[in-house]
């Protein structure tokens, strides 16, 4: 008979790189964002732009 709540297994540890600096110097338009202008304006239903 199998256990009702078996002990969960974990995989290998993966380094958290989300906040680390990217030193590859890839232009932002080469990673999927095209013709971006700064400052970025975001449409908002409540307040317009």
PDB file of N, CA and C in Angstrom:
ATOM      1  N   UNK A   1       0.852  -1.183   0.000  1.00  0.00           N
ATOM      2  CA  UNK A   1       0.000   0.000   0.000  1.00  0.00           C
ATOM      3  C   UNK A   1       0.890   1.236   0.000  1.00  0.00           C
ATOM      4  N   UNK A   2       0.550   2.238  -0.815  1.00  0.00           N
ATOM      5  CA  UNK A   2       1.371   3.444  -0.902  1.00  0.00           C
ATOM      6  C   UNK A   2       1.027   4.417   0.220  1.00  0.00           C
ATOM      7  N   UNK A   3       1.983   5.248   0.550  1.00  0.00           N
ATOM      8  CA  UNK A   3       1.789   6.240   1.609  1.00  0.00           C
ATOM      9  C   UNK A   3       0.850   7.344   1.118  1.00  0.00           C
ATOM     10  N   UNK A   4       0.056   7.889   2.023  1.00  0.00           N
ATOM     11  CA  UNK A   4      -0.884   8.952   1.678  1.00  0.00           C
ATOM     12  C   UNK A   4      -0.140  10.255   1.396  1.00  0.00           C
ATOM     13  N   UNK A   5       0.808  10.598   2.228  1.00  0.00           N
ATOM     14  CA  UNK A   5       1.592  11.823   2.074  1.00  0.00           C
ATOM     15  C   UNK A   5       3.072  11.469   1.964  1.00  0.00           C
ATOM     16  N   UNK A   6       3.516  11.026   0.801  1.00  0.00           N
ATOM     17  CA  UNK A   6       4.931  10.675   0.683  1.00  0.00           C
ATOM     18  C   UNK A   6       5.806  11.915   0.798  1.00  0.00           C
ATOM     19  N   UNK A   7       7.032  11.717   1.253  1.00  0.00           N
ATOM     20  CA  UNK A   7       7.971  12.821   1.392  1.00  0.00           C
ATOM     21  C   UNK A   7       8.293  13.367  -0.003  1.00  0.00           C
ATOM     22  N   UNK A   8       8.134  14.688  -0.211  1.00  0.00           N
ATOM     23  CA  UNK A   8       8.428  15.243  -1.536  1.00  0.00           C
ATOM     24  C   UNK A   8       9.922  15.147  -1.844  1.00  0.00           C
ATOM     25  N   UNK A   9      10.227  14.910  -3.093  1.00  0.00           N
ATOM     26  CA  UNK A   9      11.628  14.867  -3.495  1.00  0.00           C
ATOM     27  C   UNK A   9      11.991  16.199  -4.128  1.00  0.00           C
ATOM     28  N   UNK A  10      13.230  16.585  -3.995  1.00  0.00           N
ATOM     29  CA  UNK A  10      13.694  17.838  -4.586  1.00  0.00           C
ATOM     30  C   UNK A  10      14.776  17.530  -5.607  1.00  0.00           C
ATOM     31  N   UNK A  11      14.881  18.387  -6.592  1.00  0.00           N
ATOM     32  CA  UNK A  11      15.895  18.229  -7.621  1.00  0.00           C
ATOM     33  C   UNK A  11      17.167  18.942  -7.212  1.00  0.00           C
ATOM     34  N   UNK A  12      18.086  19.055  -8.137  1.00  0.00           N
ATOM     35  CA  UNK A  12      19.346  19.741  -7.836  1.00  0.00           C
ATOM     36  C   UNK A  12      19.108  21.228  -7.594  1.00  0.00           C
ATOM     37  N   UNK A  13      19.966  21.830  -6.813  1.00  0.00           N
ATOM     38  CA  UNK A  13      19.875  23.266  -6.548  1.00  0.00           C
ATOM     39  C   UNK A  13      20.202  24.029  -7.829  1.00  0.00           C
ATOM     40  N   UNK A  14      19.444  25.083  -8.109  1.00  0.00           N
ATOM     41  CA  UNK A  14      19.672  25.920  -9.279  1.00  0.00           C
ATOM     42  C   UNK A  14      20.018  27.322  -8.796  1.00  0.00           C
ATOM     43  N   UNK A  15      21.116  27.860  -9.301  1.00  0.00           N
ATOM     44  CA  UNK A  15      21.560  29.192  -8.904  1.00  0.00           C
ATOM     45  C   UNK A  15      20.527  30.242  -9.309  1.00  0.00           C
ATOM     46  N   UNK A  16      20.215  31.165  -8.391  1.00  0.00           N
ATOM     47  CA  UNK A  16      19.280  32.255  -8.672  1.00  0.00           C
ATOM     48  C   UNK A  16      20.058  33.387  -9.346  1.00  0.00           C
ATOM     49  N   UNK A  17      19.849  33.581 -10.634  1.00  0.00           N
ATOM     50  CA  UNK A  17      20.608  34.584 -11.379  1.00  0.00           C
ATOM     51  C   UNK A  17      19.768  35.794 -11.773  1.00  0.00           C
ATOM     52  N   UNK A  18      18.520  35.853 -11.357  1.00  0.00           N
ATOM     53  CA  UNK A  18      17.611  36.918 -11.784  1.00  0.00           C
ATOM     54  C   UNK A  18      18.155  38.313 -11.467  1.00  0.00           C
ATOM     55  N   UNK A  19      18.732  38.499 -10.302  1.00  0.00           N
ATOM     56  CA  UNK A  19      19.193  39.822  -9.900  1.00  0.00           C
ATOM     57  C   UNK A  19      20.649  40.101 -10.224  1.00  0.00           C
ATOM     58  N   UNK A  20      21.342  39.169 -10.853  1.00  0.00           N
ATOM     59  CA  UNK A  20      22.757  39.385 -11.136  1.00  0.00           C
ATOM     60  C   UNK A  20      22.942  40.219 -12.408  1.00  0.00           C
ATOM     61  N   UNK A  21      24.081  40.872 -12.508  1.00  0.00           N
ATOM     62  CA  UNK A  21      24.375  41.726 -13.662  1.00  0.00           C
ATOM     63  C   UNK A  21      24.580  40.877 -14.913  1.00  0.00           C
ATOM     64  N   UNK A  22      24.113  41.388 -16.044  1.00  0.00           N
ATOM     65  CA  UNK A  22      24.308  40.718 -17.329  1.00  0.00           C
ATOM     66  C   UNK A  22      25.477  41.394 -18.029  1.00  0.00           C
ATOM     67  N   UNK A  23      26.573  40.692 -18.154  1.00  0.00           N
ATOM     68  CA  UNK A  23      27.787  41.274 -18.728  1.00  0.00           C
ATOM     69  C   UNK A  23      27.952  40.954 -20.210  1.00  0.00           C
ATOM     70  N   UNK A  24      26.908  40.396 -20.844  1.00  0.00           N
ATOM     71  CA  UNK A  24      27.015  40.009 -22.254  1.00  0.00           C
ATOM     72  C   UNK A  24      26.917  41.186 -23.206  1.00  0.00           C
ATOM     73  N   UNK A  25      26.432  42.336 -22.750  1.00  0.00           N
ATOM     74  CA  UNK A  25      26.329  43.557 -23.555  1.00  0.00           C
ATOM     75  C   UNK A  25      25.528  43.329 -24.830  1.00  0.00           C
ATOM     76  N   UNK A  26      24.369  42.675 -24.705  1.00  0.00           N
ATOM     77  CA  UNK A  26      23.476  42.444 -25.833  1.00  0.00           C
ATOM     78  C   UNK A  26      22.499  43.613 -25.903  1.00  0.00           C
ATOM     79  N   UNK A  27      22.385  44.218 -27.075  1.00  0.00           N
ATOM     80  CA  UNK A  27      21.474  45.353 -27.248  1.00  0.00           C
ATOM     81  C   UNK A  27      20.039  44.920 -26.968  1.00  0.00           C
ATOM     82  N   UNK A  28      19.256  45.788 -26.326  1.00  0.00           N
ATOM     83  CA  UNK A  28      17.886  45.444 -25.939  1.00  0.00           C
ATOM     84  C   UNK A  28      17.035  45.081 -27.150  1.00  0.00           C
ATOM     85  N   UNK A  29      17.307  45.666 -28.327  1.00  0.00           N
ATOM     86  CA  UNK A  29      16.508  45.324 -29.504  1.00  0.00           C
ATOM     87  C   UNK A  29      16.897  43.974 -30.103  1.00  0.00           C
ATOM     88  N   UNK A  30      17.874  43.313 -29.541  1.00  0.00           N
ATOM     89  CA  UNK A  30      18.270  41.981 -29.994  1.00  0.00           C
ATOM     90  C   UNK A  30      17.653  40.880 -29.138  1.00  0.00           C
ATOM     91  N   UNK A  31      16.901  41.243 -28.112  1.00  0.00           N
ATOM     92  CA  UNK A  31      16.316  40.238 -27.221  1.00  0.00           C
ATOM     93  C   UNK A  31      14.795  40.261 -27.219  1.00  0.00           C
ATOM     94  N   UNK A  32      14.188  40.823 -28.262  1.00  0.00           N
ATOM     95  CA  UNK A  32      12.739  40.743 -28.392  1.00  0.00           C
ATOM     96  C   UNK A  32      11.981  42.037 -28.206  1.00  0.00           C
ATOM     97  N   UNK A  33      12.639  43.106 -27.814  1.00  0.00           N
ATOM     98  CA  UNK A  33      11.971  44.395 -27.659  1.00  0.00           C
ATOM     99  C   UNK A  33      12.452  45.292 -28.789  1.00  0.00           C
ATOM    100  N   UNK A  34      11.520  45.781 -29.602  1.00  0.00           N
ATOM    101  CA  UNK A  34      11.877  46.579 -30.774  1.00  0.00           C
ATOM    102  C   UNK A  34      11.423  48.026 -30.603  1.00  0.00           C
ATOM    103  N   UNK A  35      12.234  48.949 -31.045  1.00  0.00           N
ATOM    104  CA  UNK A  35      11.904  50.378 -31.104  1.00  0.00           C
ATOM    105  C   UNK A  35      11.364  50.921 -29.790  1.00  0.00           C
ATOM    106  N   UNK A  36      12.025  50.623 -28.693  1.00  0.00           N
ATOM    107  CA  UNK A  36      11.585  51.141 -27.393  1.00  0.00           C
ATOM    108  C   UNK A  36      12.077  52.579 -27.241  1.00  0.00           C
ATOM    109  N   UNK A  37      11.248  53.413 -26.660  1.00  0.00           N
ATOM    110  CA  UNK A  37      11.606  54.804 -26.399  1.00  0.00           C
ATOM    111  C   UNK A  37      11.549  55.039 -24.896  1.00  0.00           C
ATOM    112  N   UNK A  38      12.405  55.915 -24.431  1.00  0.00           N
ATOM    113  CA  UNK A  38      12.427  56.242 -23.009  1.00  0.00           C
ATOM    114  C   UNK A  38      12.019  57.695 -22.847  1.00  0.00           C
ATOM    115  N   UNK A  39      11.263  58.076 -21.857  1.00  0.00           N
ATOM    116  CA  UNK A  39      10.693  57.185 -20.837  1.00  0.00           C
ATOM    117  C   UNK A  39       9.556  56.343 -21.408  1.00  0.00           C
ATOM    118  N   UNK A  40       9.356  55.183 -20.826  1.00  0.00           N
ATOM    119  CA  UNK A  40       8.290  54.280 -21.250  1.00  0.00           C
ATOM    120  C   UNK A  40       6.974  54.782 -20.669  1.00  0.00           C
ATOM    121  N   UNK A  41       5.948  54.920 -21.516  1.00  0.00           N
ATOM    122  CA  UNK A  41       4.616  55.322 -21.063  1.00  0.00           C
ATOM    123  C   UNK A  41       3.709  54.115 -21.150  1.00  0.00           C
ATOM    124  N   UNK A  42       2.968  53.855 -20.084  1.00  0.00           N
ATOM    125  CA  UNK A  42       2.090  52.686 -20.016  1.00  0.00           C
ATOM    126  C   UNK A  42       0.646  53.148 -19.947  1.00  0.00           C
ATOM    127  N   UNK A  43      -0.192  52.592 -20.811  1.00  0.00           N
ATOM    128  CA  UNK A  43      -1.616  52.935 -20.800  1.00  0.00           C
ATOM    129  C   UNK A  43      -2.258  52.394 -19.534  1.00  0.00           C
ATOM    130  N   UNK A  44      -3.111  53.204 -18.910  1.00  0.00           N
ATOM    131  CA  UNK A  44      -3.795  52.832 -17.676  1.00  0.00           C
ATOM    132  C   UNK A  44      -5.280  53.125 -17.866  1.00  0.00           C
ATOM    133  N   UNK A  45      -6.133  52.137 -17.652  1.00  0.00           N
ATOM    134  CA  UNK A  45      -7.575  52.318 -17.853  1.00  0.00           C
ATOM    135  C   UNK A  45      -8.137  53.444 -16.989  1.00  0.00           C
ATOM    136  N   UNK A  46      -7.645  53.582 -15.779  1.00  0.00           N
ATOM    137  CA  UNK A  46      -8.188  54.565 -14.847  1.00  0.00           C
ATOM    138  C   UNK A  46      -7.680  55.987 -15.120  1.00  0.00           C
ATOM    139  N   UNK A  47      -6.417  56.118 -15.517  1.00  0.00           N
ATOM    140  CA  UNK A  47      -5.808  57.447 -15.637  1.00  0.00           C
ATOM    141  C   UNK A  47      -5.372  57.820 -17.043  1.00  0.00           C
ATOM    142  N   UNK A  48      -5.625  57.006 -18.022  1.00  0.00           N
ATOM    143  CA  UNK A  48      -5.125  57.285 -19.370  1.00  0.00           C
ATOM    144  C   UNK A  48      -3.674  56.871 -19.477  1.00  0.00           C
ATOM    145  N   UNK A  49      -2.884  57.723 -20.128  1.00  0.00           N
ATOM    146  CA  UNK A  49      -1.458  57.396 -20.308  1.00  0.00           C
ATOM    147  C   UNK A  49      -0.646  58.083 -19.247  1.00  0.00           C
TER     148      UNK A  49
END
